[in-house]
């Protein structure tokens, strides 16, 4: 079974039709182990809140999505376990600690982070961590 770290930019596409939602759904189709720092819960909730504020979804839809999100078979890793390494990576590549928590988890578990965050993906692509990240549309990896 392959394992992948998934960030909130991908997870939201499982519930809200957006560009690349079909690609995101492929992560749920296969026998994959899905990993994420526990930060994803707060980030995912914040994305839903923004979508409610922008009237892209209703509050009731947001509540239902949040409920179903809890059923996704994630292996959550405490962000506190990743913090020091994430800070080092963040300083080294000039990206936020939030984003680097996901990347740190991928490095630690020797797998790939799948993201739909184009700016982060592009920034990491020119670093020693390029092998640890995949653009969502490239999933499944070859």
Protein backbone atom coordinates (compact mmCIF):
# COMPACT_ATOMS: atom_id res chain seq x y z
CA UNK A 1 0.00 0.00 0.00
CA UNK A 2 1.35 3.40 -0.97
CA UNK A 3 1.23 6.24 1.48
CA UNK A 4 0.73 9.89 0.73
CA UNK A 5 0.62 13.04 2.78
CA UNK A 6 -2.40 15.11 1.77
CA UNK A 7 -2.84 18.79 2.49
CA UNK A 8 -6.03 20.78 2.96
CA UNK A 9 -5.88 22.14 -0.61
CA UNK A 10 -6.48 18.58 -1.81
CA UNK A 11 -8.89 17.44 0.91
CA UNK A 12 -11.37 20.23 0.23
CA UNK A 13 -11.67 19.05 -3.37
CA UNK A 14 -13.17 15.80 -2.13
CA UNK A 15 -16.24 17.75 -1.03
CA UNK A 16 -16.44 20.96 -3.05
CA UNK A 17 -16.36 20.78 -6.85
CA UNK A 18 -13.29 22.72 -7.96
CA UNK A 19 -10.62 22.42 -10.59
CA UNK A 20 -8.77 19.13 -10.09
CA UNK A 21 -11.52 17.59 -7.94
CA UNK A 22 -11.45 14.47 -10.13
CA UNK A 23 -7.74 14.06 -9.52
CA UNK A 24 -8.27 14.51 -5.77
CA UNK A 25 -10.92 11.79 -5.79
CA UNK A 26 -8.35 9.30 -7.11
CA UNK A 27 -6.61 9.49 -3.74
CA UNK A 28 -9.72 8.05 -2.14
CA UNK A 29 -10.16 5.32 -4.77
CA UNK A 30 -7.05 3.27 -4.20
CA UNK A 31 -5.65 1.34 -1.28
CA UNK A 32 -3.61 4.29 -0.07
CA UNK A 33 -2.58 5.27 3.41
CA UNK A 34 -3.42 8.95 3.83
CA UNK A 35 -1.28 10.90 6.27
CA UNK A 36 -1.58 14.46 7.49
CA UNK A 37 -0.37 16.58 10.36
CA UNK A 38 -3.25 17.25 12.74
CA UNK A 39 -3.10 20.87 11.52
CA UNK A 40 -5.17 19.77 8.53
CA UNK A 41 -8.32 19.74 10.66
CA UNK A 42 -8.03 23.45 11.46
CA UNK A 43 -6.96 24.35 7.93
CA UNK A 44 -9.81 22.37 6.42
CA UNK A 45 -12.29 24.02 8.76
CA UNK A 46 -10.96 27.44 7.86
CA UNK A 47 -11.35 26.72 4.14
CA UNK A 48 -14.98 25.72 4.76
CA UNK A 49 -15.54 28.89 6.77
CA UNK A 50 -14.15 31.00 3.90
CA UNK A 51 -16.37 29.21 1.41
CA UNK A 52 -19.40 29.87 3.62
CA UNK A 53 -18.42 33.54 3.94
CA UNK A 54 -18.10 33.81 0.14
CA UNK A 55 -21.46 32.04 -0.25
CA UNK A 56 -19.85 29.22 -2.24
CA UNK A 57 -21.48 26.75 0.15
CA UNK A 58 -24.17 27.10 2.82
CA UNK A 59 -23.59 26.75 6.55
CA UNK A 60 -25.54 23.49 6.49
CA UNK A 61 -23.35 22.18 3.67
CA UNK A 62 -20.28 23.22 5.62
CA UNK A 63 -21.50 21.36 8.70
CA UNK A 64 -22.21 18.22 6.68
CA UNK A 65 -18.83 18.38 4.93
CA UNK A 66 -17.07 18.77 8.29
CA UNK A 67 -18.93 15.72 9.61
CA UNK A 68 -18.03 13.57 6.61
CA UNK A 69 -14.41 14.81 6.66
CA UNK A 70 -14.05 13.16 10.05
CA UNK A 71 -14.74 9.77 8.42
CA UNK A 72 -11.79 9.98 6.01
CA UNK A 73 -9.29 7.32 7.10
CA UNK A 74 -6.39 9.63 7.85
CA UNK A 75 -3.43 8.79 9.99
CA UNK A 76 -2.99 12.06 11.85
CA UNK A 77 0.43 12.98 13.18
CA UNK A 78 0.72 15.57 15.95
CA UNK A 79 2.09 18.82 14.56
CA UNK A 80 4.15 19.16 17.73
CA UNK A 81 6.15 16.08 16.65
CA UNK A 82 7.01 17.80 13.36
CA UNK A 83 7.48 21.40 14.50
CA UNK A 84 11.24 21.65 14.92
CA UNK A 85 12.03 19.99 11.61
CA UNK A 86 9.30 22.01 9.87
CA UNK A 87 10.81 25.23 11.18
CA UNK A 88 14.21 24.23 9.80
CA UNK A 89 12.76 23.38 6.41
CA UNK A 90 10.69 26.58 6.39
CA UNK A 91 13.76 28.70 7.06
CA UNK A 92 15.72 26.79 4.44
CA UNK A 93 13.21 27.15 1.62
CA UNK A 94 11.48 30.38 2.62
CA UNK A 95 7.97 28.95 3.03
CA UNK A 96 5.53 28.97 5.94
CA UNK A 97 5.83 26.56 8.83
CA UNK A 98 2.19 25.62 8.17
CA UNK A 99 3.05 24.32 4.70
CA UNK A 100 6.31 22.79 5.85
CA UNK A 101 4.56 20.65 8.47
CA UNK A 102 3.08 18.66 5.58
CA UNK A 103 6.41 18.50 3.76
CA UNK A 104 8.22 17.48 6.94
CA UNK A 105 5.80 14.61 7.40
CA UNK A 106 6.42 13.43 3.84
CA UNK A 107 10.17 13.56 4.40
CA UNK A 108 9.93 11.78 7.76
CA UNK A 109 7.73 8.99 6.38
CA UNK A 110 9.66 8.75 3.10
CA UNK A 111 6.66 9.40 0.93
CA UNK A 112 5.18 12.21 -1.13
CA UNK A 113 3.04 15.16 -0.28
CA UNK A 114 0.21 15.62 -2.78
CA UNK A 115 -0.84 19.26 -3.04
CA UNK A 116 -3.04 21.56 -5.10
CA UNK A 117 -1.21 24.62 -3.78
CA UNK A 118 0.59 25.73 -6.94
CA UNK A 119 2.79 28.35 -5.27
CA UNK A 120 4.02 25.90 -2.65
CA UNK A 121 4.54 23.13 -5.20
CA UNK A 122 6.55 25.45 -7.44
CA UNK A 123 8.66 26.75 -4.56
CA UNK A 124 9.52 23.27 -3.32
CA UNK A 125 10.31 22.07 -6.84
CA UNK A 126 13.64 23.91 -6.83
CA UNK A 127 14.77 22.57 -3.44
CA UNK A 128 16.30 19.32 -2.21
CA UNK A 129 12.74 18.30 -1.25
CA UNK A 130 11.45 18.21 -4.83
CA UNK A 131 11.14 14.41 -4.76
CA UNK A 132 8.86 14.62 -1.73
CA UNK A 133 6.10 16.62 -3.40
CA UNK A 134 3.68 15.94 -6.24
CA UNK A 135 1.24 18.20 -8.00
CA UNK A 136 -2.28 16.85 -7.64
CA UNK A 137 -2.75 16.45 -11.39
CA UNK A 138 0.31 14.15 -11.44
CA UNK A 139 -1.44 11.67 -9.17
CA UNK A 140 -1.15 8.76 -9.27
CA UNK A 141 2.61 8.95 -9.52
CA UNK A 142 4.35 6.74 -12.01
